[in-house]
Amino acid sequence: QVQLVESGGGLVQAGDSLRLSCVISGRAFSSTAMAWFRQAPGKEREFVAGMRWNGNSPNYADSVKGRFTISRDNAKNTVYLEMNSLKREDTAVYYCARRVGSPTRGASDYNTWGQGTQVIVST
């Protein structure tokens, strides 16, 4: 059974950077896709970034394009979300998710989730 564990969240100021990590226990096959979602208080969970496990097809929400980068380290079975130029509106709980197939933007398409890591951006 595959499990996902996120880390790296915290309290930062606007303009700062953070790197989130998602460690995948169990095998991560090339036919799987990994994604980051986030959920702010009172809002629905929204897609942030996703890619195939082999690194192909990275795509981003318009709100983070140019500021966030998704990547992975095969040797460490870890997916990262590098977040730069953080804004107050990036405040949310960030979740790592996995599915078999291509990366999509729908949360319901993913069947494996981590517990989430909180990011708070202050101004």
PDB file of N, CA and C in Angstrom:
ATOM      1  N   GLN A   1       0.851  -1.191   0.000  1.00  0.00           N
ATOM      2  CA  GLN A   1       0.000   0.000   0.000  1.00  0.00           C
ATOM      3  C   GLN A   1       0.889   1.244   0.000  1.00  0.00           C
ATOM      4  N   VAL A   2       0.557   2.175  -0.869  1.00  0.00           N
ATOM      5  CA  VAL A   2       1.333   3.409  -0.974  1.00  0.00           C
ATOM      6  C   VAL A   2       0.846   4.416   0.056  1.00  0.00           C
ATOM      7  N   GLN A   3       1.789   5.049   0.737  1.00  0.00           N
ATOM      8  CA  GLN A   3       1.461   6.117   1.682  1.00  0.00           C
ATOM      9  C   GLN A   3       2.269   7.351   1.340  1.00  0.00           C
ATOM     10  N   LEU A   4       1.680   8.518   1.596  1.00  0.00           N
ATOM     11  CA  LEU A   4       2.317   9.796   1.306  1.00  0.00           C
ATOM     12  C   LEU A   4       2.442  10.594   2.598  1.00  0.00           C
ATOM     13  N   VAL A   5       3.606  11.171   2.831  1.00  0.00           N
ATOM     14  CA  VAL A   5       3.825  11.972   4.040  1.00  0.00           C
ATOM     15  C   VAL A   5       4.449  13.303   3.635  1.00  0.00           C
ATOM     16  N   GLU A   6       3.720  14.384   3.881  1.00  0.00           N
ATOM     17  CA  GLU A   6       4.207  15.720   3.538  1.00  0.00           C
ATOM     18  C   GLU A   6       4.950  16.341   4.710  1.00  0.00           C
ATOM     19  N   SER A   7       5.821  17.274   4.391  1.00  0.00           N
ATOM     20  CA  SER A   7       6.515  18.061   5.407  1.00  0.00           C
ATOM     21  C   SER A   7       7.013  19.346   4.749  1.00  0.00           C
ATOM     22  N   GLY A   8       7.474  20.278   5.590  1.00  0.00           N
ATOM     23  CA  GLY A   8       8.076  21.487   5.064  1.00  0.00           C
ATOM     24  C   GLY A   8       7.246  22.745   5.209  1.00  0.00           C
ATOM     25  N   GLY A   9       6.024  22.598   5.668  1.00  0.00           N
ATOM     26  CA  GLY A   9       5.188  23.784   5.834  1.00  0.00           C
ATOM     27  C   GLY A   9       5.671  24.639   6.996  1.00  0.00           C
ATOM     28  N   GLY A  10       5.080  25.819   7.119  1.00  0.00           N
ATOM     29  CA  GLY A  10       5.461  26.699   8.208  1.00  0.00           C
ATOM     30  C   GLY A  10       4.884  28.082   8.038  1.00  0.00           C
ATOM     31  N   LEU A  11       5.319  28.982   8.910  1.00  0.00           N
ATOM     32  CA  LEU A  11       4.896  30.380   8.889  1.00  0.00           C
ATOM     33  C   LEU A  11       6.010  31.212   8.262  1.00  0.00           C
ATOM     34  N   VAL A  12       5.683  31.906   7.195  1.00  0.00           N
ATOM     35  CA  VAL A  12       6.667  32.736   6.501  1.00  0.00           C
ATOM     36  C   VAL A  12       6.052  34.087   6.190  1.00  0.00           C
ATOM     37  N   GLN A  13       6.895  35.008   5.754  1.00  0.00           N
ATOM     38  CA  GLN A  13       6.413  36.324   5.350  1.00  0.00           C
ATOM     39  C   GLN A  13       6.216  36.371   3.841  1.00  0.00           C
ATOM     40  N   ALA A  14       5.387  37.260   3.409  1.00  0.00           N
ATOM     41  CA  ALA A  14       5.162  37.448   1.980  1.00  0.00           C
ATOM     42  C   ALA A  14       6.494  37.722   1.297  1.00  0.00           C
ATOM     43  N   GLY A  15       6.700  37.066   0.160  1.00  0.00           N
ATOM     44  CA  GLY A  15       7.945  37.202  -0.582  1.00  0.00           C
ATOM     45  C   GLY A  15       8.960  36.120  -0.282  1.00  0.00           C
ATOM     46  N   ASP A  16       8.753  35.391   0.806  1.00  0.00           N
ATOM     47  CA  ASP A  16       9.669  34.316   1.186  1.00  0.00           C
ATOM     48  C   ASP A  16       9.455  33.078   0.321  1.00  0.00           C
ATOM     49  N   SER A  17      10.304  32.083   0.566  1.00  0.00           N
ATOM     50  CA  SER A  17      10.228  30.805  -0.146  1.00  0.00           C
ATOM     51  C   SER A  17      10.101  29.649   0.842  1.00  0.00           C
ATOM     52  N   LEU A  18       9.506  28.569   0.377  1.00  0.00           N
ATOM     53  CA  LEU A  18       9.405  27.327   1.134  1.00  0.00           C
ATOM     54  C   LEU A  18       9.515  26.170   0.160  1.00  0.00           C
ATOM     55  N   ARG A  19      10.014  25.045   0.652  1.00  0.00           N
ATOM     56  CA  ARG A  19       9.998  23.832  -0.148  1.00  0.00           C
ATOM     57  C   ARG A  19       9.271  22.743   0.615  1.00  0.00           C
ATOM     58  N   LEU A  20       8.201  22.261   0.030  1.00  0.00           N
ATOM     59  CA  LEU A  20       7.446  21.153   0.609  1.00  0.00           C
ATOM     60  C   LEU A  20       7.971  19.839   0.052  1.00  0.00           C
ATOM     61  N   SER A  21       7.932  18.818   0.892  1.00  0.00           N
ATOM     62  CA  SER A  21       8.360  17.488   0.479  1.00  0.00           C
ATOM     63  C   SER A  21       7.229  16.493   0.683  1.00  0.00           C
ATOM     64  N   CYS A  22       7.191  15.499  -0.173  1.00  0.00           N
ATOM     65  CA  CYS A  22       6.208  14.422  -0.058  1.00  0.00           C
ATOM     66  C   CYS A  22       6.965  13.115  -0.264  1.00  0.00           C
ATOM     67  N   VAL A  23       7.128  12.371   0.821  1.00  0.00           N
ATOM     68  CA  VAL A  23       7.824  11.091   0.748  1.00  0.00           C
ATOM     69  C   VAL A  23       6.816   9.993   0.470  1.00  0.00           C
ATOM     70  N   ILE A  24       7.123   9.177  -0.516  1.00  0.00           N
ATOM     71  CA  ILE A  24       6.221   8.113  -0.951  1.00  0.00           C
ATOM     72  C   ILE A  24       6.764   6.775  -0.464  1.00  0.00           C
ATOM     73  N   SER A  25       5.998   6.112   0.361  1.00  0.00           N
ATOM     74  CA  SER A  25       6.396   4.778   0.795  1.00  0.00           C
ATOM     75  C   SER A  25       5.743   3.770  -0.134  1.00  0.00           C
ATOM     76  N   GLY A  26       6.480   2.741  -0.473  1.00  0.00           N
ATOM     77  CA  GLY A  26       5.991   1.819  -1.473  1.00  0.00           C
ATOM     78  C   GLY A  26       6.527   2.259  -2.820  1.00  0.00           C
ATOM     79  N   ARG A  27       6.241   1.503  -3.826  1.00  0.00           N
ATOM     80  CA  ARG A  27       6.818   1.801  -5.123  1.00  0.00           C
ATOM     81  C   ARG A  27       6.046   2.903  -5.838  1.00  0.00           C
ATOM     82  N   ALA A  28       6.803   3.795  -6.472  1.00  0.00           N
ATOM     83  CA  ALA A  28       6.188   4.851  -7.276  1.00  0.00           C
ATOM     84  C   ALA A  28       6.461   4.511  -8.734  1.00  0.00           C
ATOM     85  N   PHE A  29       5.481   4.023  -9.460  1.00  0.00           N
ATOM     86  CA  PHE A  29       5.671   3.590 -10.821  1.00  0.00           C
ATOM     87  C   PHE A  29       5.649   4.755 -11.783  1.00  0.00           C
ATOM     88  N   SER A  30       6.310   4.560 -12.919  1.00  0.00           N
ATOM     89  CA  SER A  30       6.349   5.631 -13.905  1.00  0.00           C
ATOM     90  C   SER A  30       4.979   5.913 -14.473  1.00  0.00           C
ATOM     91  N   SER A  31       4.048   4.995 -14.337  1.00  0.00           N
ATOM     92  CA  SER A  31       2.716   5.198 -14.886  1.00  0.00           C
ATOM     93  C   SER A  31       1.810   5.973 -13.934  1.00  0.00           C
ATOM     94  N   THR A  32       2.374   6.449 -12.841  1.00  0.00           N
ATOM     95  CA  THR A  32       1.570   7.212 -11.890  1.00  0.00           C
ATOM     96  C   THR A  32       1.830   8.700 -12.061  1.00  0.00           C
ATOM     97  N   ALA A  33       0.913   9.484 -11.536  1.00  0.00           N
ATOM     98  CA  ALA A  33       1.043  10.935 -11.533  1.00  0.00           C
ATOM     99  C   ALA A  33       1.010  11.427 -10.102  1.00  0.00           C
ATOM    100  N   MET A  34       1.755  12.462  -9.849  1.00  0.00           N
ATOM    101  CA  MET A  34       1.789  13.090  -8.532  1.00  0.00           C
ATOM    102  C   MET A  34       1.317  14.520  -8.659  1.00  0.00           C
ATOM    103  N   ALA A  35       0.673  15.020  -7.621  1.00  0.00           N
ATOM    104  CA  ALA A  35       0.166  16.385  -7.666  1.00  0.00           C
ATOM    105  C   ALA A  35       0.161  16.989  -6.276  1.00  0.00           C
ATOM    106  N   TRP A  36       0.150  18.291  -6.256  1.00  0.00           N
ATOM    107  CA  TRP A  36      -0.041  19.058  -5.038  1.00  0.00           C
ATOM    108  C   TRP A  36      -1.368  19.810  -5.151  1.00  0.00           C
ATOM    109  N   PHE A  37      -2.141  19.722  -4.096  1.00  0.00           N
ATOM    110  CA  PHE A  37      -3.366  20.480  -3.965  1.00  0.00           C
ATOM    111  C   PHE A  37      -3.263  21.331  -2.710  1.00  0.00           C
ATOM    112  N   ARG A  38      -4.147  22.282  -2.584  1.00  0.00           N
ATOM    113  CA  ARG A  38      -4.192  23.063  -1.353  1.00  0.00           C
ATOM    114  C   ARG A  38      -5.633  23.394  -1.010  1.00  0.00           C
ATOM    115  N   GLN A  39      -5.849  23.623   0.262  1.00  0.00           N
ATOM    116  CA  GLN A  39      -7.183  23.961   0.726  1.00  0.00           C
ATOM    117  C   GLN A  39      -7.079  25.029   1.795  1.00  0.00           C
ATOM    118  N   ALA A  40      -7.661  26.183   1.487  1.00  0.00           N
ATOM    119  CA  ALA A  40      -7.720  27.289   2.443  1.00  0.00           C
ATOM    120  C   ALA A  40      -9.007  27.175   3.253  1.00  0.00           C
ATOM    121  N   PRO A  41      -9.057  27.776   4.432  1.00  0.00           N
ATOM    122  CA  PRO A  41     -10.261  27.705   5.270  1.00  0.00           C
ATOM    123  C   PRO A  41     -11.496  28.192   4.521  1.00  0.00           C
ATOM    124  N   GLY A  42     -12.535  27.385   4.543  1.00  0.00           N
ATOM    125  CA  GLY A  42     -13.781  27.763   3.912  1.00  0.00           C
ATOM    126  C   GLY A  42     -13.806  27.626   2.407  1.00  0.00           C
ATOM    127  N   LYS A  43     -12.745  27.095   1.835  1.00  0.00           N
ATOM    128  CA  LYS A  43     -12.671  26.950   0.380  1.00  0.00           C
ATOM    129  C   LYS A  43     -12.510  25.487  -0.009  1.00  0.00           C
ATOM    130  N   GLU A  44     -12.803  25.196  -1.267  1.00  0.00           N
ATOM    131  CA  GLU A  44     -12.625  23.850  -1.771  1.00  0.00           C
ATOM    132  C   GLU A  44     -11.141  23.562  -2.035  1.00  0.00           C
ATOM    133  N   ARG A  45     -10.837  22.279  -2.021  1.00  0.00           N
ATOM    134  CA  ARG A  45      -9.469  21.882  -2.351  1.00  0.00           C
ATOM    135  C   ARG A  45      -9.200  22.190  -3.817  1.00  0.00           C
ATOM    136  N   GLU A  46      -8.060  22.812  -4.088  1.00  0.00           N
ATOM    137  CA  GLU A  46      -7.758  23.207  -5.464  1.00  0.00           C
ATOM    138  C   GLU A  46      -6.400  22.680  -5.913  1.00  0.00           C
ATOM    139  N   PHE A  47      -6.324  22.429  -7.192  1.00  0.00           N
ATOM    140  CA  PHE A  47      -5.097  21.950  -7.812  1.00  0.00           C
ATOM    141  C   PHE A  47      -4.036  23.044  -7.794  1.00  0.00           C
ATOM    142  N   VAL A  48      -2.796  22.644  -7.507  1.00  0.00           N
ATOM    143  CA  VAL A  48      -1.667  23.576  -7.510  1.00  0.00           C
ATOM    144  C   VAL A  48      -0.676  23.208  -8.620  1.00  0.00           C
ATOM    145  N   ALA A  49      -0.224  21.957  -8.604  1.00  0.00           N
ATOM    146  CA  ALA A  49       0.777  21.515  -9.588  1.00  0.00           C
ATOM    147  C   ALA A  49       0.731  19.998  -9.691  1.00  0.00           C
ATOM    148  N   GLY A  50       1.094  19.482 -10.870  1.00  0.00           N
ATOM    149  CA  GLY A  50       1.103  18.040 -11.049  1.00  0.00           C
ATOM    150  C   GLY A  50       2.083  17.637 -12.133  1.00  0.00           C
ATOM    151  N   MET A  51       2.449  16.363 -12.116  1.00  0.00           N
ATOM    152  CA  MET A  51       3.358  15.853 -13.143  1.00  0.00           C
ATOM    153  C   MET A  51       3.316  14.328 -13.124  1.00  0.00           C
ATOM    154  N   ARG A  52       3.793  13.733 -14.198  1.00  0.00           N
ATOM    155  CA  ARG A  52       4.003  12.293 -14.211  1.00  0.00           C
ATOM    156  C   ARG A  52       5.203  11.975 -13.319  1.00  0.00           C
ATOM    157  N   TRP A  53       5.231  10.772 -12.777  1.00  0.00           N
ATOM    158  CA  TRP A  53       6.323  10.409 -11.894  1.00  0.00           C
ATOM    159  C   TRP A  53       7.668  10.491 -12.618  1.00  0.00           C
ATOM    160  N   ASN A  54       7.694  10.282 -13.928  1.00  0.00           N
ATOM    161  CA  ASN A  54       8.956  10.375 -14.658  1.00  0.00           C
ATOM    162  C   ASN A  54       9.356  11.825 -14.936  1.00  0.00           C
ATOM    163  N   GLY A  55       8.588  12.755 -14.438  1.00  0.00           N
ATOM    164  CA  GLY A  55       8.937  14.166 -14.583  1.00  0.00           C
ATOM    165  C   GLY A  55       8.298  14.844 -15.773  1.00  0.00           C
ATOM    166  N   ASN A  56       7.658  14.084 -16.632  1.00  0.00           N
ATOM    167  CA  ASN A  56       7.022  14.672 -17.806  1.00  0.00           C
ATOM    168  C   ASN A  56       5.699  15.346 -17.439  1.00  0.00           C
ATOM    169  N   SER A  57       5.270  16.190 -18.344  1.00  0.00           N
ATOM    170  CA  SER A  57       3.956  16.849 -18.256  1.00  0.00           C
ATOM    171  C   SER A  57       3.736  17.658 -16.989  1.00  0.00           C
ATOM    172  N   PRO A  58       4.723  18.436 -16.523  1.00  0.00           N
ATOM    173  CA  PRO A  58       4.430  19.286 -15.373  1.00  0.00           C
ATOM    174  C   PRO A  58       3.431  20.363 -15.764  1.00  0.00           C
ATOM    175  N   ASN A  59       2.477  20.603 -14.914  1.00  0.00           N
ATOM    176  CA  ASN A  59       1.537  21.679 -15.187  1.00  0.00           C
ATOM    177  C   ASN A  59       1.139  22.341 -13.879  1.00  0.00           C
ATOM    178  N   TYR A  60       0.714  23.584 -13.993  1.00  0.00           N
ATOM    179  CA  TYR A  60       0.494  24.414 -12.826  1.00  0.00           C
ATOM    180  C   TYR A  60      -0.808  25.187 -12.927  1.00  0.00           C
ATOM    181  N   ALA A  61      -1.359  25.478 -11.770  1.00  0.00           N
ATOM    182  CA  ALA A  61      -2.487  26.404 -11.722  1.00  0.00           C
ATOM    183  C   ALA A  61      -1.984  27.784 -12.130  1.00  0.00           C
ATOM    184  N   ASP A  62      -2.829  28.549 -12.768  1.00  0.00           N
ATOM    185  CA  ASP A  62      -2.423  29.887 -13.211  1.00  0.00           C
ATOM    186  C   ASP A  62      -1.954  30.750 -12.047  1.00  0.00           C
ATOM    187  N   SER A  63      -2.539  30.534 -10.897  1.00  0.00           N
ATOM    188  CA  SER A  63      -2.231  31.378  -9.741  1.00  0.00           C
ATOM    189  C   SER A  63      -0.814  31.164  -9.208  1.00  0.00           C
ATOM    190  N   VAL A  64      -0.185  30.053  -9.574  1.00  0.00           N
ATOM    191  CA  VAL A  64       1.169  29.773  -9.065  1.00  0.00           C
ATOM    192  C   VAL A  64       2.208  29.663 -10.178  1.00  0.00           C
ATOM    193  N   LYS A  65       1.766  29.722 -11.404  1.00  0.00           N
ATOM    194  CA  LYS A  65       2.684  29.553 -12.535  1.00  0.00           C
ATOM    195  C   LYS A  65       3.776  30.616 -12.485  1.00  0.00           C
ATOM    196  N   GLY A  66       5.019  30.172 -12.631  1.00  0.00           N
ATOM    197  CA  GLY A  66       6.143  31.092 -12.574  1.00  0.00           C
ATOM    198  C   GLY A  66       6.705  31.281 -11.170  1.00  0.00           C
ATOM    199  N   ARG A  67       5.956  30.850 -10.156  1.00  0.00           N
ATOM    200  CA  ARG A  67       6.420  30.992  -8.772  1.00  0.00           C
ATOM    201  C   ARG A  67       6.691  29.639  -8.120  1.00  0.00           C
ATOM    202  N   PHE A  68       5.920  28.621  -8.489  1.00  0.00           N
ATOM    203  CA  PHE A  68       6.048  27.293  -7.889  1.00  0.00           C
ATOM    204  C   PHE A  68       6.635  26.322  -8.914  1.00  0.00           C
ATOM    205  N   THR A  69       7.383  25.355  -8.405  1.00  0.00           N
ATOM    206  CA  THR A  69       7.955  24.317  -9.260  1.00  0.00           C
ATOM    207  C   THR A  69       7.783  22.954  -8.599  1.00  0.00           C
ATOM    208  N   ILE A  70       7.237  22.011  -9.347  1.00  0.00           N
ATOM    209  CA  ILE A  70       7.107  20.635  -8.860  1.00  0.00           C
ATOM    210  C   ILE A  70       8.262  19.821  -9.445  1.00  0.00           C
ATOM    211  N   SER A  71       8.831  18.959  -8.614  1.00  0.00           N
ATOM    212  CA  SER A  71       9.938  18.122  -9.066  1.00  0.00           C
ATOM    213  C   SER A  71       9.960  16.844  -8.239  1.00  0.00           C
ATOM    214  N   ARG A  72      10.818  15.909  -8.635  1.00  0.00           N
ATOM    215  CA  ARG A  72      10.891  14.667  -7.857  1.00  0.00           C
ATOM    216  C   ARG A  72      12.325  14.155  -7.839  1.00  0.00           C
ATOM    217  N   ASP A  73      12.609  13.365  -6.805  1.00  0.00           N
ATOM    218  CA  ASP A  73      13.893  12.698  -6.659  1.00  0.00           C
ATOM    219  C   ASP A  73      13.602  11.203  -6.616  1.00  0.00           C
ATOM    220  N   ASN A  74      13.913  10.521  -7.695  1.00  0.00           N
ATOM    221  CA  ASN A  74      13.605   9.090  -7.774  1.00  0.00           C
ATOM    222  C   ASN A  74      14.288   8.298  -6.676  1.00  0.00           C
ATOM    223  N   ALA A  75      15.542   8.634  -6.419  1.00  0.00           N
ATOM    224  CA  ALA A  75      16.317   7.875  -5.440  1.00  0.00           C
ATOM    225  C   ALA A  75      15.719   7.986  -4.041  1.00  0.00           C
ATOM    226  N   LYS A  76      15.084   9.117  -3.765  1.00  0.00           N
ATOM    227  CA  LYS A  76      14.504   9.343  -2.440  1.00  0.00           C
ATOM    228  C   LYS A  76      13.003   9.104  -2.408  1.00  0.00           C
ATOM    229  N   ASN A  77      12.442   8.717  -3.535  1.00  0.00           N
ATOM    230  CA  ASN A  77      10.987   8.527  -3.616  1.00  0.00           C
ATOM    231  C   ASN A  77      10.248   9.733  -3.054  1.00  0.00           C
ATOM    232  N   THR A  78      10.672  10.901  -3.467  1.00  0.00           N
ATOM    233  CA  THR A  78      10.150  12.141  -2.907  1.00  0.00           C
ATOM    234  C   THR A  78       9.750  13.099  -4.021  1.00  0.00           C
ATOM    235  N   VAL A  79       8.626  13.758  -3.815  1.00  0.00           N
ATOM    236  CA  VAL A  79       8.166  14.817  -4.702  1.00  0.00           C
ATOM    237  C   VAL A  79       8.254  16.130  -3.933  1.00  0.00           C
ATOM    238  N   TYR A  80       8.673  17.174  -4.611  1.00  0.00           N
ATOM    239  CA  TYR A  80       8.853  18.472  -3.977  1.00  0.00           C
ATOM    240  C   TYR A  80       7.932  19.512  -4.605  1.00  0.00           C
ATOM    241  N   LEU A  81       7.643  20.539  -3.831  1.00  0.00           N
ATOM    242  CA  LEU A  81       6.985  21.726  -4.348  1.00  0.00           C
ATOM    243  C   LEU A  81       7.792  22.919  -3.854  1.00  0.00           C
ATOM    244  N   GLU A  82       8.550  23.504  -4.758  1.00  0.00           N
ATOM    245  CA  GLU A  82       9.327  24.693  -4.435  1.00  0.00           C
ATOM    246  C   GLU A  82       8.422  25.896  -4.635  1.00  0.00           C
ATOM    247  N   MET A  83       8.253  26.689  -3.576  1.00  0.00           N
ATOM    248  CA  MET A  83       7.343  27.831  -3.627  1.00  0.00           C
ATOM    249  C   MET A  83       8.144  29.109  -3.383  1.00  0.00           C
ATOM    250  N   ASN A  84       8.143  29.977  -4.364  1.00  0.00           N
ATOM    251  CA  ASN A  84       8.851  31.245  -4.268  1.00  0.00           C
ATOM    252  C   ASN A  84       7.872  32.411  -4.332  1.00  0.00           C
ATOM    253  N   SER A  85       8.337  33.569  -3.892  1.00  0.00           N
ATOM    254  CA  SER A  85       7.518  34.782  -3.926  1.00  0.00           C
ATOM    255  C   SER A  85       6.139  34.525  -3.338  1.00  0.00           C
ATOM    256  N   LEU A  86       6.125  33.940  -2.170  1.00  0.00           N
ATOM    257  CA  LEU A  86       4.856  33.559  -1.553  1.00  0.00           C
ATOM    258  C   LEU A  86       4.000  34.787  -1.276  1.00  0.00           C
ATOM    259  N   LYS A  87       2.687  34.595  -1.450  1.00  0.00           N
ATOM    260  CA  LYS A  87       1.707  35.643  -1.215  1.00  0.00           C
ATOM    261  C   LYS A  87       0.762  35.203  -0.099  1.00  0.00           C
ATOM    262  N   ARG A  88       0.084  36.171   0.455  1.00  0.00           N
ATOM    263  CA  ARG A  88      -0.844  35.851   1.537  1.00  0.00           C
ATOM    264  C   ARG A  88      -1.893  34.854   1.070  1.00  0.00           C
ATOM    265  N   GLU A  89      -2.302  34.967  -0.177  1.00  0.00           N
ATOM    266  CA  GLU A  89      -3.334  34.070  -0.704  1.00  0.00           C
ATOM    267  C   GLU A  89      -2.840  32.648  -0.933  1.00  0.00           C
ATOM    268  N   ASP A  90      -1.558  32.404  -0.716  1.00  0.00           N
ATOM    269  CA  ASP A  90      -1.040  31.034  -0.787  1.00  0.00           C
ATOM    270  C   ASP A  90      -1.240  30.286   0.529  1.00  0.00           C
ATOM    271  N   THR A  91      -1.724  30.979   1.534  1.00  0.00           N
ATOM    272  CA  THR A  91      -1.976  30.357   2.831  1.00  0.00           C
ATOM    273  C   THR A  91      -3.011  29.250   2.689  1.00  0.00           C
ATOM    274  N   ALA A  92      -2.653  28.049   3.119  1.00  0.00           N
ATOM    275  CA  ALA A  92      -3.537  26.895   2.981  1.00  0.00           C
ATOM    276  C   ALA A  92      -2.849  25.662   3.575  1.00  0.00           C
ATOM    277  N   VAL A  93      -3.619  24.592   3.668  1.00  0.00           N
ATOM    278  CA  VAL A  93      -3.027  23.280   3.935  1.00  0.00           C
ATOM    279  C   VAL A  93      -2.712  22.667   2.578  1.00  0.00           C
ATOM    280  N   TYR A  94      -1.493  22.233   2.417  1.00  0.00           N
ATOM    281  CA  TYR A  94      -1.045  21.660   1.152  1.00  0.00           C
ATOM    282  C   TYR A  94      -0.998  20.143   1.253  1.00  0.00           C
ATOM    283  N   TYR A  95      -1.565  19.496   0.246  1.00  0.00           N
ATOM    284  CA  TYR A  95      -1.652  18.046   0.217  1.00  0.00           C
ATOM    285  C   TYR A  95      -0.937  17.488  -1.003  1.00  0.00           C
ATOM    286  N   CYS A  96      -0.287  16.382  -0.799  1.00  0.00           N
ATOM    287  CA  CYS A  96       0.312  15.609  -1.864  1.00  0.00           C
ATOM    288  C   CYS A  96      -0.680  14.505  -2.246  1.00  0.00           C
ATOM    289  N   ALA A  97      -0.763  14.202  -3.538  1.00  0.00           N
ATOM    290  CA  ALA A  97      -1.718  13.200  -3.983  1.00  0.00           C
ATOM    291  C   ALA A  97      -1.134  12.382  -5.122  1.00  0.00           C
ATOM    292  N   ARG A  98      -1.647  11.176  -5.281  1.00  0.00           N
ATOM    293  CA  ARG A  98      -1.144  10.253  -6.298  1.00  0.00           C
ATOM    294  C   ARG A  98      -2.311   9.568  -7.003  1.00  0.00           C
ATOM    295  N   ARG A  99      -2.116   9.319  -8.287  1.00  0.00           N
ATOM    296  CA  ARG A  99      -3.094   8.554  -9.046  1.00  0.00           C
ATOM    297  C   ARG A  99      -2.366   7.753 -10.115  1.00  0.00           C
ATOM    298  N   VAL A 100      -3.011   6.742 -10.605  1.00  0.00           N
ATOM    299  CA  VAL A 100      -2.475   5.970 -11.725  1.00  0.00           C
ATOM    300  C   VAL A 100      -2.961   6.645 -13.002  1.00  0.00           C
ATOM    301  N   GLY A 101      -2.028   6.942 -13.889  1.00  0.00           N
ATOM    302  CA  GLY A 101      -2.390   7.588 -15.134  1.00  0.00           C
ATOM    303  C   GLY A 101      -1.784   8.968 -15.235  1.00  0.00           C
ATOM    304  N   SER A 102      -2.352   9.793 -16.097  1.00  0.00           N
ATOM    305  CA  SER A 102      -1.828  11.135 -16.344  1.00  0.00           C
ATOM    306  C   SER A 102      -2.246  12.077 -15.223  1.00  0.00           C
ATOM    307  N   PRO A 103      -1.469  13.131 -15.011  1.00  0.00           N
ATOM    308  CA  PRO A 103      -1.872  14.115 -14.006  1.00  0.00           C
ATOM    309  C   PRO A 103      -3.120  14.848 -14.451  1.00  0.00           C
ATOM    310  N   THR A 104      -4.044  15.020 -13.558  1.00  0.00           N
ATOM    311  CA  THR A 104      -5.257  15.776 -13.826  1.00  0.00           C
ATOM    312  C   THR A 104      -5.406  16.852 -12.753  1.00  0.00           C
ATOM    313  N   ARG A 105      -6.401  17.696 -12.924  1.00  0.00           N
ATOM    314  CA  ARG A 105      -6.607  18.792 -11.976  1.00  0.00           C
ATOM    315  C   ARG A 105      -7.769  18.558 -11.035  1.00  0.00           C
ATOM    316  N   GLY A 106      -8.410  17.419 -11.154  1.00  0.00           N
ATOM    317  CA  GLY A 106      -9.538  17.127 -10.297  1.00  0.00           C
ATOM    318  C   GLY A 106      -9.124  16.339  -9.068  1.00  0.00           C
ATOM    319  N   ALA A 107      -9.444  16.840  -7.899  1.00  0.00           N
ATOM    320  CA  ALA A 107      -9.074  16.148  -6.667  1.00  0.00           C
ATOM    321  C   ALA A 107      -9.692  14.756  -6.587  1.00  0.00           C
ATOM    322  N   SER A 108     -10.878  14.592  -7.129  1.00  0.00           N
ATOM    323  CA  SER A 108     -11.562  13.301  -7.051  1.00  0.00           C
ATOM    324  C   SER A 108     -10.887  12.231  -7.917  1.00  0.00           C
ATOM    325  N   ASP A 109      -9.976  12.643  -8.778  1.00  0.00           N
ATOM    326  CA  ASP A 109      -9.257  11.688  -9.634  1.00  0.00           C
ATOM    327  C   ASP A 109      -8.134  10.984  -8.897  1.00  0.00           C
ATOM    328  N   TYR A 110      -7.765  11.495  -7.733  1.00  0.00           N
ATOM    329  CA  TYR A 110      -6.625  10.960  -6.980  1.00  0.00           C
ATOM    330  C   TYR A 110      -7.119  10.078  -5.839  1.00  0.00           C
ATOM    331  N   ASN A 111      -6.489   8.935  -5.664  1.00  0.00           N
ATOM    332  CA  ASN A 111      -6.973   7.995  -4.658  1.00  0.00           C
ATOM    333  C   ASN A 111      -6.034   7.809  -3.477  1.00  0.00           C
ATOM    334  N   THR A 112      -4.898   8.474  -3.507  1.00  0.00           N
ATOM    335  CA  THR A 112      -3.974   8.392  -2.374  1.00  0.00           C
ATOM    336  C   THR A 112      -3.575   9.799  -1.978  1.00  0.00           C
ATOM    337  N   TRP A 113      -3.728  10.104  -0.693  1.00  0.00           N
ATOM    338  CA  TRP A 113      -3.466  11.453  -0.192  1.00  0.00           C
ATOM    339  C   TRP A 113      -2.594  11.405   1.048  1.00  0.00           C
ATOM    340  N   GLY A 114      -1.813  12.466   1.216  1.00  0.00           N
ATOM    341  CA  GLY A 114      -1.091  12.648   2.459  1.00  0.00           C
ATOM    342  C   GLY A 114      -1.967  13.352   3.483  1.00  0.00           C
ATOM    343  N   GLN A 115      -1.388  13.598   4.647  1.00  0.00           N
ATOM    344  CA  GLN A 115      -2.159  14.206   5.738  1.00  0.00           C
ATOM    345  C   GLN A 115      -2.185  15.726   5.651  1.00  0.00           C
ATOM    346  N   GLY A 116      -1.332  16.297   4.821  1.00  0.00           N
ATOM    347  CA  GLY A 116      -1.297  17.740   4.640  1.00  0.00           C
ATOM    348  C   GLY A 116      -0.251  18.425   5.506  1.00  0.00           C
ATOM    349  N   THR A 117       0.212  19.566   5.023  1.00  0.00           N
ATOM    350  CA  THR A 117       1.151  20.395   5.776  1.00  0.00           C
ATOM    351  C   THR A 117       0.712  21.847   5.647  1.00  0.00           C
ATOM    352  N   GLN A 118       0.689  22.556   6.763  1.00  0.00           N
ATOM    353  CA  GLN A 118       0.140  23.913   6.796  1.00  0.00           C
ATOM    354  C   GLN A 118       1.176  24.941   6.346  1.00  0.00           C
ATOM    355  N   VAL A 119       0.750  25.829   5.465  1.00  0.00           N
ATOM    356  CA  VAL A 119       1.570  26.966   5.046  1.00  0.00           C
ATOM    357  C   VAL A 119       0.797  28.236   5.387  1.00  0.00           C
ATOM    358  N   ILE A 120       1.439  29.115   6.129  1.00  0.00           N
ATOM    359  CA  ILE A 120       0.832  30.394   6.484  1.00  0.00           C
ATOM    360  C   ILE A 120       1.771  31.502   6.037  1.00  0.00           C
ATOM    361  N   VAL A 121       1.228  32.407   5.218  1.00  0.00           N
ATOM    362  CA  VAL A 121       2.015  33.521   4.712  1.00  0.00           C
ATOM    363  C   VAL A 121       1.474  34.801   5.329  1.00  0.00           C
ATOM    364  N   SER A 122       2.320  35.480   6.073  1.00  0.00           N
ATOM    365  CA  SER A 122       1.910  36.715   6.728  1.00  0.00           C
ATOM    366  C   SER A 122       2.414  37.924   5.948  1.00  0.00           C
ATOM    367  N   THR A 123       1.737  39.044   6.144  1.00  0.00           N
ATOM    368  CA  THR A 123       2.145  40.275   5.454  1.00  0.00           C
ATOM    369  C   THR A 123       2.612  41.306   6.460  1.00  0.00           C
TER     370      THR A 123
END
